[in-house]
Amino acid sequence: MYIEIGAFDAKAKLSELLRHVQQGQCYTITIRGRPIANLVPSDHNEQHNTHNAIENMRAIKKIRGVSKTKIKEWINEGRRS
């Protein structure tokens, strides 16, 4: 769950926010109510990227009807690029 905080308040309370982030809290920093950035624990992005990679592999697994010849063509095209 992301907590919204204005940029001015975030700047004034940065040390406090960082302590909360260490404990797993996530913040969305806003300017005039518009989201500008997220303040998240550093391993959060790593977990997100891992999740996306797994989902992409699952999607690839669902592709059917591609022949070995076509796959070899794609590999060769990639080597030429």
C-alpha atoms as a PDB file:
ATOM      1  CA  MET A   1       0.000   0.000   0.000  1.00  0.00           C
ATOM      2  CA  TYR A   2       1.433   3.348  -1.051  1.00  0.00           C
ATOM      3  CA  ILE A   3       0.942   6.420   1.099  1.00  0.00           C
ATOM      4  CA  GLU A   4       0.792   9.736  -0.775  1.00  0.00           C
ATOM      5  CA  ILE A   5       2.953  12.582   0.480  1.00  0.00           C
ATOM      6  CA  GLY A   6       3.631  15.992  -1.035  1.00  0.00           C
ATOM      7  CA  ALA A   7       7.154  16.815  -2.210  1.00  0.00           C
ATOM      8  CA  PHE A   8       7.546  19.635   0.334  1.00  0.00           C
ATOM      9  CA  ASP A   9       6.583  17.344   3.234  1.00  0.00           C
ATOM     10  CA  ALA A  10       8.733  14.523   1.860  1.00  0.00           C
ATOM     11  CA  LYS A  11      11.752  16.826   1.789  1.00  0.00           C
ATOM     12  CA  ALA A  12      11.106  17.991   5.353  1.00  0.00           C
ATOM     13  CA  LYS A  13      10.576  14.437   6.661  1.00  0.00           C
ATOM     14  CA  LEU A  14      13.051  12.512   4.506  1.00  0.00           C
ATOM     15  CA  SER A  15      14.893  10.847   7.409  1.00  0.00           C
ATOM     16  CA  GLU A  16      11.618   9.678   8.923  1.00  0.00           C
ATOM     17  CA  LEU A  17      10.345   8.421   5.569  1.00  0.00           C
ATOM     18  CA  LEU A  18      13.547   6.463   4.985  1.00  0.00           C
ATOM     19  CA  ARG A  19      13.173   4.724   8.343  1.00  0.00           C
ATOM     20  CA  HIS A  20       9.626   3.724   7.378  1.00  0.00           C
ATOM     21  CA  VAL A  21      10.817   2.541   3.966  1.00  0.00           C
ATOM     22  CA  GLN A  22      13.402   0.322   5.680  1.00  0.00           C
ATOM     23  CA  GLN A  23      10.470  -1.325   7.448  1.00  0.00           C
ATOM     24  CA  GLY A  24       8.714  -1.972   4.138  1.00  0.00           C
ATOM     25  CA  GLN A  25       6.432   1.062   3.769  1.00  0.00           C
ATOM     26  CA  CYS A  26       6.054   2.572   0.277  1.00  0.00           C
ATOM     27  CA  TYR A  27       5.300   6.215  -0.558  1.00  0.00           C
ATOM     28  CA  THR A  28       4.135   8.063  -3.640  1.00  0.00           C
ATOM     29  CA  ILE A  29       5.583  11.572  -3.752  1.00  0.00           C
ATOM     30  CA  THR A  30       3.285  14.124  -5.356  1.00  0.00           C
ATOM     31  CA  ILE A  31       3.505  17.685  -6.621  1.00  0.00           C
ATOM     32  CA  ARG A  32       0.182  19.507  -6.559  1.00  0.00           C
ATOM     33  CA  GLY A  33      -1.575  16.171  -6.113  1.00  0.00           C
ATOM     34  CA  ARG A  34       0.019  14.546  -9.175  1.00  0.00           C
ATOM     35  CA  PRO A  35       2.171  11.438  -8.583  1.00  0.00           C
ATOM     36  CA  ILE A  36       5.801  12.115  -9.474  1.00  0.00           C
ATOM     37  CA  ALA A  37       7.883   9.339  -7.878  1.00  0.00           C
ATOM     38  CA  ASN A  38       7.680   6.287  -5.662  1.00  0.00           C
ATOM     39  CA  LEU A  39       9.846   5.797  -2.601  1.00  0.00           C
ATOM     40  CA  VAL A  40      10.177   2.042  -2.047  1.00  0.00           C
ATOM     41  CA  PRO A  41      12.617  -0.367  -0.379  1.00  0.00           C
ATOM     42  CA  SER A  42      15.490  -1.153  -2.730  1.00  0.00           C
ATOM     43  CA  ASP A  43      14.663  -4.876  -2.907  1.00  0.00           C
ATOM     44  CA  HIS A  44      11.065  -4.010  -3.893  1.00  0.00           C
ATOM     45  CA  ASN A  45      12.159  -3.271  -7.483  1.00  0.00           C
ATOM     46  CA  GLU A  46      14.136  -6.491  -7.572  1.00  0.00           C
ATOM     47  CA  GLN A  47      11.067  -8.474  -6.503  1.00  0.00           C
ATOM     48  CA  HIS A  48       8.946  -6.627  -9.066  1.00  0.00           C
ATOM     49  CA  ASN A  49      11.451  -7.387 -11.858  1.00  0.00           C
ATOM     50  CA  THR A  50      11.613 -11.040 -10.826  1.00  0.00           C
ATOM     51  CA  HIS A  51       7.824 -11.278 -10.856  1.00  0.00           C
ATOM     52  CA  ASN A  52       7.677  -9.715 -14.340  1.00  0.00           C
ATOM     53  CA  ALA A  53      10.343 -12.100 -15.644  1.00  0.00           C
ATOM     54  CA  ILE A  54       8.411 -15.103 -14.341  1.00  0.00           C
ATOM     55  CA  GLU A  55       5.179 -13.837 -15.899  1.00  0.00           C
ATOM     56  CA  ASN A  56       6.958 -13.315 -19.239  1.00  0.00           C
ATOM     57  CA  MET A  57       8.328 -16.869 -19.144  1.00  0.00           C
ATOM     58  CA  ARG A  58       4.847 -18.206 -18.436  1.00  0.00           C
ATOM     59  CA  ALA A  59       3.476 -16.241 -21.387  1.00  0.00           C
ATOM     60  CA  ILE A  60       6.169 -17.651 -23.680  1.00  0.00           C
ATOM     61  CA  LYS A  61       5.267 -21.148 -22.507  1.00  0.00           C
ATOM     62  CA  LYS A  62       1.701 -20.596 -23.739  1.00  0.00           C
ATOM     63  CA  ILE A  63       2.824 -19.883 -27.312  1.00  0.00           C
ATOM     64  CA  ARG A  64       1.963 -22.880 -29.440  1.00  0.00           C
ATOM     65  CA  GLY A  65       2.551 -23.813 -33.024  1.00  0.00           C
ATOM     66  CA  VAL A  66       6.055 -22.413 -33.451  1.00  0.00           C
ATOM     67  CA  SER A  67       8.272 -24.884 -35.247  1.00  0.00           C
ATOM     68  CA  LYS A  68      11.890 -25.614 -34.371  1.00  0.00           C
ATOM     69  CA  THR A  69      12.841 -24.263 -37.792  1.00  0.00           C
ATOM     70  CA  LYS A  70      11.157 -20.921 -37.051  1.00  0.00           C
ATOM     71  CA  ILE A  71      12.906 -20.702 -33.688  1.00  0.00           C
ATOM     72  CA  LYS A  72      16.282 -21.370 -35.364  1.00  0.00           C
ATOM     73  CA  GLU A  73      15.512 -18.611 -37.897  1.00  0.00           C
ATOM     74  CA  TRP A  74      14.785 -16.160 -35.060  1.00  0.00           C
ATOM     75  CA  ILE A  75      18.034 -17.124 -33.326  1.00  0.00           C
ATOM     76  CA  ASN A  76      20.010 -16.606 -36.526  1.00  0.00           C
ATOM     77  CA  GLU A  77      18.341 -13.235 -37.118  1.00  0.00           C
ATOM     78  CA  GLY A  78      19.330 -12.184 -33.621  1.00  0.00           C
ATOM     79  CA  ARG A  79      22.956 -13.161 -34.243  1.00  0.00           C
ATOM     80  CA  ARG A  80      23.101 -11.054 -37.400  1.00  0.00           C
ATOM     81  CA  SER A  81      21.773  -7.948 -35.669  1.00  0.00           C
END
